Amino acid sequence: MPIEMPSRLISNASGVHCVAPTSLNELFDSESTHVVTKSCTRDARMGNPHPRYWSDGHGSVNSSGLPNMGYRAYMDYTPPSRRLYKPYVISVAGLTLDENIEIFKAIQVKQHEKKVSDIDGIELNLSCPNVAGKAQIGYDMESTAKYLDTLVPLLPPRDLFTFGVKLPPYFDPTHFDQVASVLSRYQRLDSVTAINSLGNGLIIDMETDKPRIAPRGGFGGIGGKYCLPIALANIRQHFIRLTPYCKRIVGCGGVSDGATMYQHILCGASEVQVGTQLYDEGPDCFKRILDEFQELCEKKGHQTLYSFRGDF
């Protein structure tokens, strides 16, 4: 008997195959259950110089530097043949708090004017590791609280709009306790995405004795299977601490097939995002991953996702 699938289960990770309208259109035409934009700033950005991405089929290193069209382009985007059941989420990563305030207010106005907007939610990126001179807000609990205190009141009503945050990887139980104590204050927070890429990784090309990517001396975010164990640990740690507050955990990091998707959900994720695998394989990866996941769940005798989510 096929497992019962929730409406939101798998999407692209913000930053992958989602910068330009053509890429967004392809995501809407894929088997993803929803679509997330590239993390956007107030103004359009070209990002860091190339080469800024490298993958060996197992993991990746990137230093994109937030290339995006600017928030207005994502706010006004509507697919030519939108599937009405597929949510459209804007990832927001203003370079300052004031930029984020402007973006949130603009989205709020659009929601009010259109009554029913093409935008179904915001994912606030507190964790971009590849912008020179910009620290990750998610590692500063005081700043994280300040951002949320300021931005949450600007959100549209919950029945029309979801709100989540994307977090960096944490490595110490104390840090998980600290971030949970902040996030648990906000009833309006619907989801927590864990994790963004592992910052400041370095991969060397043995043929040239040079880093694989050019920006920032070769330092970049590590993704793909290389970061799977860290992603699983972060999902589990957040699940343990935030479940009493009904926060959905969105697993991100190393999802490449049905088995890795299953592991994310077993650790406590309610849905997953795909980054490196989507970059390497393209949008066809969603159908393959979902088919493999369905087959694995049937083999294990699960009838619903929630029968085993977080169950170990």
C-alpha atoms as a PDB file:
ATOM      1  CA  MET A   1       0.000   0.000   0.000  1.00  0.00           C
ATOM      2  CA  PRO A   2       1.558   3.375  -1.024  1.00  0.00           C
ATOM      3  CA  ILE A   3       2.583   5.653   1.825  1.00  0.00           C
ATOM      4  CA  GLU A   4       0.411   8.708   2.384  1.00  0.00           C
ATOM      5  CA  MET A   5       2.413  11.748   1.266  1.00  0.00           C
ATOM      6  CA  PRO A   6       1.903  15.235   2.779  1.00  0.00           C
ATOM      7  CA  SER A   7       1.387  18.190   0.449  1.00  0.00           C
ATOM      8  CA  ARG A   8       4.774  19.732   1.283  1.00  0.00           C
ATOM      9  CA  LEU A   9       7.519  17.140   1.212  1.00  0.00           C
ATOM     10  CA  ILE A  10      10.409  18.008  -1.141  1.00  0.00           C
ATOM     11  CA  SER A  11      11.729  21.166  -2.779  1.00  0.00           C
ATOM     12  CA  ASN A  12      14.876  22.776  -4.049  1.00  0.00           C
ATOM     13  CA  ALA A  13      17.258  24.281  -1.527  1.00  0.00           C
ATOM     14  CA  SER A  14      17.403  28.032  -1.907  1.00  0.00           C
ATOM     15  CA  GLY A  15      20.367  28.893  -4.104  1.00  0.00           C
ATOM     16  CA  VAL A  16      20.089  25.988  -6.523  1.00  0.00           C
ATOM     17  CA  HIS A  17      18.259  26.181  -9.872  1.00  0.00           C
ATOM     18  CA  CYS A  18      16.185  29.136  -8.699  1.00  0.00           C
ATOM     19  CA  VAL A  19      17.870  32.413  -9.651  1.00  0.00           C
ATOM     20  CA  ALA A  20      16.245  33.158 -13.035  1.00  0.00           C
ATOM     21  CA  PRO A  21      12.587  32.815 -14.147  1.00  0.00           C
ATOM     22  CA  THR A  22      13.459  29.999 -16.571  1.00  0.00           C
ATOM     23  CA  SER A  23      14.887  27.920 -13.727  1.00  0.00           C
ATOM     24  CA  LEU A  24      11.911  28.660 -11.488  1.00  0.00           C
ATOM     25  CA  ASN A  25       9.580  27.589 -14.289  1.00  0.00           C
ATOM     26  CA  GLU A  26      11.425  24.280 -14.548  1.00  0.00           C
ATOM     27  CA  LEU A  27      10.984  23.728 -10.823  1.00  0.00           C
ATOM     28  CA  PHE A  28       7.243  24.327 -11.130  1.00  0.00           C
ATOM     29  CA  ASP A  29       7.134  21.796 -13.947  1.00  0.00           C
ATOM     30  CA  SER A  30       9.088  19.232 -11.910  1.00  0.00           C
ATOM     31  CA  GLU A  31       7.870  16.773  -9.279  1.00  0.00           C
ATOM     32  CA  SER A  32       8.925  19.015  -6.392  1.00  0.00           C
ATOM     33  CA  THR A  33       6.035  19.734  -4.043  1.00  0.00           C
ATOM     34  CA  HIS A  34       6.917  23.422  -3.674  1.00  0.00           C
ATOM     35  CA  VAL A  35       9.451  25.985  -4.919  1.00  0.00           C
ATOM     36  CA  VAL A  36      11.909  28.197  -3.025  1.00  0.00           C
ATOM     37  CA  THR A  37      13.613  31.201  -4.656  1.00  0.00           C
ATOM     38  CA  LYS A  38      17.239  32.154  -4.492  1.00  0.00           C
ATOM     39  CA  SER A  39      17.908  34.118  -1.305  1.00  0.00           C
ATOM     40  CA  CYS A  40      17.231  37.673  -2.394  1.00  0.00           C
ATOM     41  CA  THR A  41      18.591  41.036  -1.403  1.00  0.00           C
ATOM     42  CA  ARG A  42      17.172  44.515  -1.967  1.00  0.00           C
ATOM     43  CA  ASP A  43      19.155  45.050  -5.154  1.00  0.00           C
ATOM     44  CA  ALA A  44      20.217  42.595  -7.837  1.00  0.00           C
ATOM     45  CA  ARG A  45      23.659  41.033  -7.342  1.00  0.00           C
ATOM     46  CA  MET A  46      26.048  39.312  -9.739  1.00  0.00           C
ATOM     47  CA  GLY A  47      27.674  37.360  -6.925  1.00  0.00           C
ATOM     48  CA  ASN A  48      31.261  36.162  -6.693  1.00  0.00           C
ATOM     49  CA  PRO A  49      33.562  35.521  -9.684  1.00  0.00           C
ATOM     50  CA  HIS A  50      33.671  32.148 -11.436  1.00  0.00           C
ATOM     51  CA  PRO A  51      34.533  29.359 -10.948  1.00  0.00           C
ATOM     52  CA  ARG A  52      32.439  29.416  -7.792  1.00  0.00           C
ATOM     53  CA  TYR A  53      30.981  25.893  -7.725  1.00  0.00           C
ATOM     54  CA  TRP A  54      32.596  22.465  -7.920  1.00  0.00           C
ATOM     55  CA  SER A  55      31.225  18.975  -7.358  1.00  0.00           C
ATOM     56  CA  ASP A  56      32.633  15.469  -7.663  1.00  0.00           C
ATOM     57  CA  GLY A  57      29.273  13.693  -7.609  1.00  0.00           C
ATOM     58  CA  HIS A  58      29.443  13.115  -3.859  1.00  0.00           C
ATOM     59  CA  GLY A  59      29.775  16.594  -2.434  1.00  0.00           C
ATOM     60  CA  SER A  60      30.351  20.165  -3.474  1.00  0.00           C
ATOM     61  CA  VAL A  61      32.011  23.427  -2.564  1.00  0.00           C
ATOM     62  CA  ASN A  62      30.530  26.774  -3.554  1.00  0.00           C
ATOM     63  CA  SER A  63      30.989  30.456  -2.958  1.00  0.00           C
ATOM     64  CA  SER A  64      28.225  32.040  -5.010  1.00  0.00           C
ATOM     65  CA  GLY A  65      27.962  35.274  -3.061  1.00  0.00           C
ATOM     66  CA  LEU A  66      24.178  35.672  -3.254  1.00  0.00           C
ATOM     67  CA  PRO A  67      23.658  36.228  -6.993  1.00  0.00           C
ATOM     68  CA  ASN A  68      19.992  37.155  -7.401  1.00  0.00           C
ATOM     69  CA  MET A  69      17.593  39.383  -9.328  1.00  0.00           C
ATOM     70  CA  GLY A  70      16.604  41.538  -6.348  1.00  0.00           C
ATOM     71  CA  TYR A  71      13.490  40.964  -4.282  1.00  0.00           C
ATOM     72  CA  ARG A  72      11.125  42.870  -6.556  1.00  0.00           C
ATOM     73  CA  ALA A  73      11.692  40.403  -9.397  1.00  0.00           C
ATOM     74  CA  TYR A  74      10.878  37.410  -7.187  1.00  0.00           C
ATOM     75  CA  MET A  75       7.913  39.198  -5.630  1.00  0.00           C
ATOM     76  CA  ASP A  76       6.416  39.903  -9.064  1.00  0.00           C
ATOM     77  CA  TYR A  77       7.259  36.530 -10.624  1.00  0.00           C
ATOM     78  CA  THR A  78       4.362  34.310 -11.666  1.00  0.00           C
ATOM     79  CA  PRO A  79       4.917  31.104 -13.644  1.00  0.00           C
ATOM     80  CA  PRO A  80       3.116  31.116 -17.005  1.00  0.00           C
ATOM     81  CA  SER A  81       1.265  27.908 -16.114  1.00  0.00           C
ATOM     82  CA  ARG A  82       1.424  27.834 -12.367  1.00  0.00           C
ATOM     83  CA  ARG A  83       0.239  24.730 -10.579  1.00  0.00           C
ATOM     84  CA  LEU A  84      -2.093  26.230  -8.013  1.00  0.00           C
ATOM     85  CA  TYR A  85      -1.351  23.508  -5.487  1.00  0.00           C
ATOM     86  CA  LYS A  86       2.406  24.142  -5.497  1.00  0.00           C
ATOM     87  CA  PRO A  87       3.471  26.779  -2.919  1.00  0.00           C
ATOM     88  CA  TYR A  88       5.946  29.503  -3.879  1.00  0.00           C
ATOM     89  CA  VAL A  89       8.305  30.600  -1.089  1.00  0.00           C
ATOM     90  CA  ILE A  90      10.614  33.610  -1.255  1.00  0.00           C
ATOM     91  CA  SER A  91      13.955  33.218   0.487  1.00  0.00           C
ATOM     92  CA  VAL A  92      15.024  36.555   1.976  1.00  0.00           C
ATOM     93  CA  ALA A  93      18.612  37.482   2.848  1.00  0.00           C
ATOM     94  CA  GLY A  94      18.866  41.238   3.067  1.00  0.00           C
ATOM     95  CA  LEU A  95      22.410  42.395   3.726  1.00  0.00           C
ATOM     96  CA  THR A  96      21.205  44.507   6.671  1.00  0.00           C
ATOM     97  CA  LEU A  97      18.213  44.488   8.985  1.00  0.00           C
ATOM     98  CA  ASP A  98      16.886  47.580   7.216  1.00  0.00           C
ATOM     99  CA  GLU A  99      16.999  45.733   3.868  1.00  0.00           C
ATOM    100  CA  ASN A 100      15.016  42.885   5.375  1.00  0.00           C
ATOM    101  CA  ILE A 101      12.467  45.312   6.789  1.00  0.00           C
ATOM    102  CA  GLU A 102      11.978  46.838   3.323  1.00  0.00           C
ATOM    103  CA  ILE A 103      11.507  43.419   1.726  1.00  0.00           C
ATOM    104  CA  PHE A 104       9.080  42.165   4.387  1.00  0.00           C
ATOM    105  CA  LYS A 105       7.011  45.357   4.169  1.00  0.00           C
ATOM    106  CA  ALA A 106       6.851  45.139   0.367  1.00  0.00           C
ATOM    107  CA  ILE A 107       5.631  41.548   0.512  1.00  0.00           C
ATOM    108  CA  GLN A 108       3.067  42.496   3.154  1.00  0.00           C
ATOM    109  CA  VAL A 109       1.723  45.261   0.907  1.00  0.00           C
ATOM    110  CA  LYS A 110       1.542  42.914  -2.066  1.00  0.00           C
ATOM    111  CA  GLN A 111      -0.409  40.389  -0.002  1.00  0.00           C
ATOM    112  CA  HIS A 112      -2.865  43.056   1.111  1.00  0.00           C
ATOM    113  CA  GLU A 113      -3.378  44.527  -2.343  1.00  0.00           C
ATOM    114  CA  LYS A 114      -3.880  41.239  -4.165  1.00  0.00           C
ATOM    115  CA  LYS A 115      -5.892  39.565  -1.387  1.00  0.00           C
ATOM    116  CA  VAL A 116      -4.682  36.205  -2.709  1.00  0.00           C
ATOM    117  CA  SER A 117      -0.997  36.522  -3.533  1.00  0.00           C
ATOM    118  CA  ASP A 118       1.264  34.375  -5.663  1.00  0.00           C
ATOM    119  CA  ILE A 119       3.618  34.282  -2.658  1.00  0.00           C
ATOM    120  CA  ASP A 120       2.878  31.591  -0.101  1.00  0.00           C
ATOM    121  CA  GLY A 121       5.669  32.136   2.399  1.00  0.00           C
ATOM    122  CA  ILE A 122       9.048  33.539   3.409  1.00  0.00           C
ATOM    123  CA  GLU A 123      12.160  31.618   4.394  1.00  0.00           C
ATOM    124  CA  LEU A 124      14.442  34.075   6.201  1.00  0.00           C
ATOM    125  CA  ASN A 125      18.052  33.116   5.530  1.00  0.00           C
ATOM    126  CA  LEU A 126      20.082  33.704   8.693  1.00  0.00           C
ATOM    127  CA  SER A 127      22.982  31.615   7.486  1.00  0.00           C
ATOM    128  CA  CYS A 128      24.661  32.587   4.205  1.00  0.00           C
ATOM    129  CA  PRO A 129      28.393  31.774   4.655  1.00  0.00           C
ATOM    130  CA  ASN A 130      29.731  33.130   1.363  1.00  0.00           C
ATOM    131  CA  VAL A 131      29.328  36.917   1.441  1.00  0.00           C
ATOM    132  CA  ALA A 132      32.599  38.724   2.131  1.00  0.00           C
ATOM    133  CA  GLY A 133      32.462  40.879   5.250  1.00  0.00           C
ATOM    134  CA  LYS A 134      29.050  39.581   6.376  1.00  0.00           C
ATOM    135  CA  ALA A 135      28.820  37.341   9.426  1.00  0.00           C
ATOM    136  CA  GLN A 136      26.130  34.683   9.710  1.00  0.00           C
ATOM    137  CA  ILE A 137      23.332  36.120  11.849  1.00  0.00           C
ATOM    138  CA  GLY A 138      22.382  32.632  13.016  1.00  0.00           C
ATOM    139  CA  TYR A 139      25.549  32.352  15.107  1.00  0.00           C
ATOM    140  CA  ASP A 140      24.694  35.497  17.093  1.00  0.00           C
ATOM    141  CA  MET A 141      21.693  34.774  19.332  1.00  0.00           C
ATOM    142  CA  GLU A 142      21.185  38.416  20.281  1.00  0.00           C
ATOM    143  CA  SER A 143      21.086  39.458  16.621  1.00  0.00           C
ATOM    144  CA  THR A 144      18.814  36.527  15.726  1.00  0.00           C
ATOM    145  CA  ALA A 145      16.327  37.640  18.378  1.00  0.00           C
ATOM    146  CA  LYS A 146      16.567  41.260  17.206  1.00  0.00           C
ATOM    147  CA  TYR A 147      15.859  40.259  13.604  1.00  0.00           C
ATOM    148  CA  LEU A 148      12.866  38.129  14.577  1.00  0.00           C
ATOM    149  CA  ASP A 149      11.489  40.703  17.030  1.00  0.00           C
ATOM    150  CA  THR A 150      11.574  43.270  14.215  1.00  0.00           C
ATOM    151  CA  LEU A 151      10.447  41.165  11.247  1.00  0.00           C
ATOM    152  CA  VAL A 152       7.797  38.816  12.658  1.00  0.00           C
ATOM    153  CA  PRO A 153       5.282  41.654  13.251  1.00  0.00           C
ATOM    154  CA  LEU A 154       5.560  42.540   9.531  1.00  0.00           C
ATOM    155  CA  LEU A 155       4.318  39.138   8.347  1.00  0.00           C
ATOM    156  CA  PRO A 156       0.931  38.573   6.688  1.00  0.00           C
ATOM    157  CA  PRO A 157      -1.612  36.436   8.601  1.00  0.00           C
ATOM    158  CA  ARG A 158      -0.646  32.824   9.186  1.00  0.00           C
ATOM    159  CA  ASP A 159      -3.667  31.357   7.395  1.00  0.00           C
ATOM    160  CA  LEU A 160      -2.399  32.899   4.151  1.00  0.00           C
ATOM    161  CA  PHE A 161       1.343  32.734   4.649  1.00  0.00           C
ATOM    162  CA  THR A 162       4.060  30.519   6.140  1.00  0.00           C
ATOM    163  CA  PHE A 163       7.245  31.757   7.795  1.00  0.00           C
ATOM    164  CA  GLY A 164      10.475  29.882   8.405  1.00  0.00           C
ATOM    165  CA  VAL A 165      14.144  30.506   9.097  1.00  0.00           C
ATOM    166  CA  LYS A 166      17.168  28.838   7.530  1.00  0.00           C
ATOM    167  CA  LEU A 167      19.938  28.146  10.032  1.00  0.00           C
ATOM    168  CA  PRO A 168      23.664  27.465   9.838  1.00  0.00           C
ATOM    169  CA  PRO A 169      25.082  24.193  11.165  1.00  0.00           C
ATOM    170  CA  TYR A 170      25.716  24.073  14.913  1.00  0.00           C
ATOM    171  CA  PHE A 171      28.231  21.795  16.548  1.00  0.00           C
ATOM    172  CA  ASP A 172      27.823  22.035  20.329  1.00  0.00           C
ATOM    173  CA  PRO A 173      24.791  21.076  22.443  1.00  0.00           C
ATOM    174  CA  THR A 174      24.969  24.447  24.165  1.00  0.00           C
ATOM    175  CA  HIS A 175      24.454  26.204  20.839  1.00  0.00           C
ATOM    176  CA  PHE A 176      21.361  24.110  20.102  1.00  0.00           C
ATOM    177  CA  ASP A 177      19.986  25.031  23.532  1.00  0.00           C
ATOM    178  CA  GLN A 178      20.653  28.711  22.910  1.00  0.00           C
ATOM    179  CA  VAL A 179      19.043  28.882  19.479  1.00  0.00           C
ATOM    180  CA  ALA A 180      16.048  26.848  20.682  1.00  0.00           C
ATOM    181  CA  SER A 181      15.516  29.278  23.549  1.00  0.00           C
ATOM    182  CA  VAL A 182      15.287  32.086  20.990  1.00  0.00           C
ATOM    183  CA  LEU A 183      13.154  30.356  18.347  1.00  0.00           C
ATOM    184  CA  SER A 184      10.652  28.966  20.843  1.00  0.00           C
ATOM    185  CA  ARG A 185       9.522  32.516  21.687  1.00  0.00           C
ATOM    186  CA  TYR A 186       7.854  33.019  18.292  1.00  0.00           C
ATOM    187  CA  GLN A 187       4.532  31.299  17.804  1.00  0.00           C
ATOM    188  CA  ARG A 188       4.446  32.756  14.277  1.00  0.00           C
ATOM    189  CA  LEU A 189       7.519  30.725  13.296  1.00  0.00           C
ATOM    190  CA  ASP A 190       6.278  27.749  11.297  1.00  0.00           C
ATOM    191  CA  SER A 191       9.483  26.001  10.256  1.00  0.00           C
ATOM    192  CA  VAL A 192      13.226  25.724  10.768  1.00  0.00           C
ATOM    193  CA  THR A 193      15.450  24.702   7.841  1.00  0.00           C
ATOM    194  CA  ALA A 194      18.633  22.877   8.820  1.00  0.00           C
ATOM    195  CA  ILE A 195      21.219  23.183   7.505  1.00  0.00           C
ATOM    196  CA  ASN A 196      22.858  25.667   5.189  1.00  0.00           C
ATOM    197  CA  SER A 197      26.208  24.559   3.782  1.00  0.00           C
ATOM    198  CA  LEU A 198      29.215  24.010   6.051  1.00  0.00           C
ATOM    199  CA  GLY A 199      31.048  27.325   5.847  1.00  0.00           C
ATOM    200  CA  ASN A 200      34.715  27.862   5.057  1.00  0.00           C
ATOM    201  CA  GLY A 201      35.493  24.494   3.534  1.00  0.00           C
ATOM    202  CA  LEU A 202      38.445  24.099   1.202  1.00  0.00           C
ATOM    203  CA  ILE A 203      38.915  21.504  -1.565  1.00  0.00           C
ATOM    204  CA  ILE A 204      42.182  21.281  -3.526  1.00  0.00           C
ATOM    205  CA  ASP A 205      42.642  20.287  -7.173  1.00  0.00           C
ATOM    206  CA  MET A 206      45.588  17.862  -7.176  1.00  0.00           C
ATOM    207  CA  GLU A 207      46.304  18.552 -10.847  1.00  0.00           C
ATOM    208  CA  THR A 208      46.860  22.273 -10.346  1.00  0.00           C
ATOM    209  CA  ASP A 209      47.623  22.455  -6.600  1.00  0.00           C
ATOM    210  CA  LYS A 210      44.999  25.200  -6.434  1.00  0.00           C
ATOM    211  CA  PRO A 211      41.619  25.485  -4.730  1.00  0.00           C
ATOM    212  CA  ARG A 212      38.651  24.199  -6.766  1.00  0.00           C
ATOM    213  CA  ILE A 213      36.871  27.567  -6.646  1.00  0.00           C
ATOM    214  CA  ALA A 214      38.175  31.102  -7.119  1.00  0.00           C
ATOM    215  CA  PRO A 215      36.383  33.422  -4.630  1.00  0.00           C
ATOM    216  CA  ARG A 216      37.615  34.132  -1.120  1.00  0.00           C
ATOM    217  CA  GLY A 217      40.898  32.264  -1.524  1.00  0.00           C
ATOM    218  CA  GLY A 218      39.056  29.048  -2.345  1.00  0.00           C
ATOM    219  CA  PHE A 219      37.003  28.915   0.855  1.00  0.00           C
ATOM    220  CA  GLY A 220      33.349  28.022   0.345  1.00  0.00           C
ATOM    221  CA  GLY A 221      30.323  26.219   1.673  1.00  0.00           C
ATOM    222  CA  ILE A 222      30.477  22.423   1.660  1.00  0.00           C
ATOM    223  CA  GLY A 223      27.344  20.587   0.488  1.00  0.00           C
ATOM    224  CA  GLY A 224      26.148  17.194  -0.679  1.00  0.00           C
ATOM    225  CA  LYS A 225      26.944  13.888   0.975  1.00  0.00           C
ATOM    226  CA  TYR A 226      29.993  15.435   2.635  1.00  0.00           C
ATOM    227  CA  CYS A 227      27.688  17.244   5.057  1.00  0.00           C
ATOM    228  CA  LEU A 228      25.013  14.537   5.523  1.00  0.00           C
ATOM    229  CA  PRO A 229      26.067  13.443   9.063  1.00  0.00           C
ATOM    230  CA  ILE A 230      26.168  17.065  10.251  1.00  0.00           C
ATOM    231  CA  ALA A 231      22.758  17.753   8.685  1.00  0.00           C
ATOM    232  CA  LEU A 232      21.220  14.690  10.347  1.00  0.00           C
ATOM    233  CA  ALA A 233      22.631  15.656  13.732  1.00  0.00           C
ATOM    234  CA  ASN A 234      21.292  19.207  13.419  1.00  0.00           C
ATOM    235  CA  ILE A 235      17.850  17.965  12.377  1.00  0.00           C
ATOM    236  CA  ARG A 236      17.745  15.641  15.371  1.00  0.00           C
ATOM    237  CA  GLN A 237      18.934  18.264  17.838  1.00  0.00           C
ATOM    238  CA  HIS A 238      16.363  20.810  16.640  1.00  0.00           C
ATOM    239  CA  PHE A 239      13.606  18.189  16.558  1.00  0.00           C
ATOM    240  CA  ILE A 240      14.242  17.244  20.191  1.00  0.00           C
ATOM    241  CA  ARG A 241      14.149  20.852  21.376  1.00  0.00           C
ATOM    242  CA  LEU A 242      11.513  22.452  19.135  1.00  0.00           C
ATOM    243  CA  THR A 243       8.874  19.725  18.753  1.00  0.00           C
ATOM    244  CA  PRO A 244       7.039  20.910  21.911  1.00  0.00           C
ATOM    245  CA  TYR A 245       6.564  24.227  20.104  1.00  0.00           C
ATOM    246  CA  CYS A 246       5.240  22.542  16.934  1.00  0.00           C
ATOM    247  CA  LYS A 247       7.984  23.850  14.669  1.00  0.00           C
ATOM    248  CA  ARG A 248       8.373  21.913  11.423  1.00  0.00           C
ATOM    249  CA  ILE A 249      11.956  20.883  10.717  1.00  0.00           C
ATOM    250  CA  VAL A 250      12.977  21.142   7.057  1.00  0.00           C
ATOM    251  CA  GLY A 251      15.941  18.849   6.398  1.00  0.00           C
ATOM    252  CA  CYS A 252      18.627  20.130   4.044  1.00  0.00           C
ATOM    253  CA  GLY A 253      22.067  18.683   3.416  1.00  0.00           C
ATOM    254  CA  GLY A 254      23.071  15.530   1.572  1.00  0.00           C
ATOM    255  CA  VAL A 255      19.664  14.503   0.205  1.00  0.00           C
ATOM    256  CA  SER A 256      20.578  12.602  -2.962  1.00  0.00           C
ATOM    257  CA  ASP A 257      18.259   9.572  -3.051  1.00  0.00           C
ATOM    258  CA  GLY A 258      15.353   7.890  -1.288  1.00  0.00           C
ATOM    259  CA  ALA A 259      17.555   6.526   1.486  1.00  0.00           C
ATOM    260  CA  THR A 260      19.051   9.880   2.471  1.00  0.00           C
ATOM    261  CA  MET A 261      15.602  11.472   2.357  1.00  0.00           C
ATOM    262  CA  TYR A 262      14.361   8.698   4.641  1.00  0.00           C
ATOM    263  CA  GLN A 263      17.210   9.367   7.077  1.00  0.00           C
ATOM    264  CA  HIS A 264      16.301  13.063   7.269  1.00  0.00           C
ATOM    265  CA  ILE A 265      12.701  12.227   8.131  1.00  0.00           C
ATOM    266  CA  LEU A 266      13.685   9.492  10.573  1.00  0.00           C
ATOM    267  CA  CYS A 267      15.776  12.098  12.415  1.00  0.00           C
ATOM    268  CA  GLY A 268      12.778  14.433  12.654  1.00  0.00           C
ATOM    269  CA  ALA A 269      12.359  16.354   9.406  1.00  0.00           C
ATOM    270  CA  SER A 270       8.845  16.922   8.069  1.00  0.00           C
ATOM    271  CA  GLU A 271      10.107  17.764   4.594  1.00  0.00           C
ATOM    272  CA  VAL A 272      13.424  18.013   2.762  1.00  0.00           C
ATOM    273  CA  GLN A 273      15.280  20.329   0.417  1.00  0.00           C
ATOM    274  CA  VAL A 274      17.718  19.232  -2.304  1.00  0.00           C
ATOM    275  CA  GLY A 275      20.783  21.270  -3.242  1.00  0.00           C
ATOM    276  CA  THR A 276      23.915  19.624  -4.630  1.00  0.00           C
ATOM    277  CA  GLN A 277      22.023  16.732  -6.221  1.00  0.00           C
ATOM    278  CA  LEU A 278      19.661  19.156  -7.958  1.00  0.00           C
ATOM    279  CA  TYR A 279      22.615  21.171  -9.230  1.00  0.00           C
ATOM    280  CA  ASP A 280      24.303  18.064 -10.646  1.00  0.00           C
ATOM    281  CA  GLU A 281      21.258  16.137 -11.929  1.00  0.00           C
ATOM    282  CA  GLY A 282      18.653  18.789 -12.649  1.00  0.00           C
ATOM    283  CA  PRO A 283      14.933  18.865 -11.714  1.00  0.00           C
ATOM    284  CA  ASP A 284      14.387  15.239 -12.778  1.00  0.00           C
ATOM    285  CA  CYS A 285      16.002  14.294  -9.463  1.00  0.00           C
ATOM    286  CA  PHE A 286      12.766  14.995  -7.567  1.00  0.00           C
ATOM    287  CA  LYS A 287      10.794  12.200  -9.227  1.00  0.00           C
ATOM    288  CA  ARG A 288      13.628   9.724  -8.793  1.00  0.00           C
ATOM    289  CA  ILE A 289      14.137  10.587  -5.120  1.00  0.00           C
ATOM    290  CA  LEU A 290      10.401  10.431  -4.383  1.00  0.00           C
ATOM    291  CA  ASP A 291      10.032   7.090  -6.188  1.00  0.00           C
ATOM    292  CA  GLU A 292      12.955   5.621  -4.245  1.00  0.00           C
ATOM    293  CA  PHE A 293      11.600   7.032  -0.992  1.00  0.00           C
ATOM    294  CA  GLN A 294       8.138   5.583  -1.657  1.00  0.00           C
ATOM    295  CA  GLU A 295       9.614   2.173  -2.460  1.00  0.00           C
ATOM    296  CA  LEU A 296      11.733   2.193   0.698  1.00  0.00           C
ATOM    297  CA  CYS A 297       8.769   3.167   2.900  1.00  0.00           C
ATOM    298  CA  GLU A 298       6.641   0.396   1.423  1.00  0.00           C
ATOM    299  CA  LYS A 299       9.451  -2.104   1.972  1.00  0.00           C
ATOM    300  CA  LYS A 300       9.645  -1.081   5.637  1.00  0.00           C
ATOM    301  CA  GLY A 301       5.877  -1.295   6.037  1.00  0.00           C
ATOM    302  CA  HIS A 302       5.137   2.380   6.713  1.00  0.00           C
ATOM    303  CA  GLN A 303       1.712   3.702   5.768  1.00  0.00           C
ATOM    304  CA  THR A 304       2.265   7.355   6.734  1.00  0.00           C
ATOM    305  CA  LEU A 305       5.319   9.542   6.990  1.00  0.00           C
ATOM    306  CA  TYR A 306       4.401  10.481  10.537  1.00  0.00           C
ATOM    307  CA  SER A 307       4.489   6.867  11.678  1.00  0.00           C
ATOM    308  CA  PHE A 308       8.285   6.961  11.678  1.00  0.00           C
ATOM    309  CA  ARG A 309       9.287  10.650  11.658  1.00  0.00           C
ATOM    310  CA  GLY A 310      11.692  11.209  14.540  1.00  0.00           C
ATOM    311  CA  ASP A 311      11.178   7.628  15.703  1.00  0.00           C
ATOM    312  CA  PHE A 312      14.446   6.181  16.951  1.00  0.00           C
END
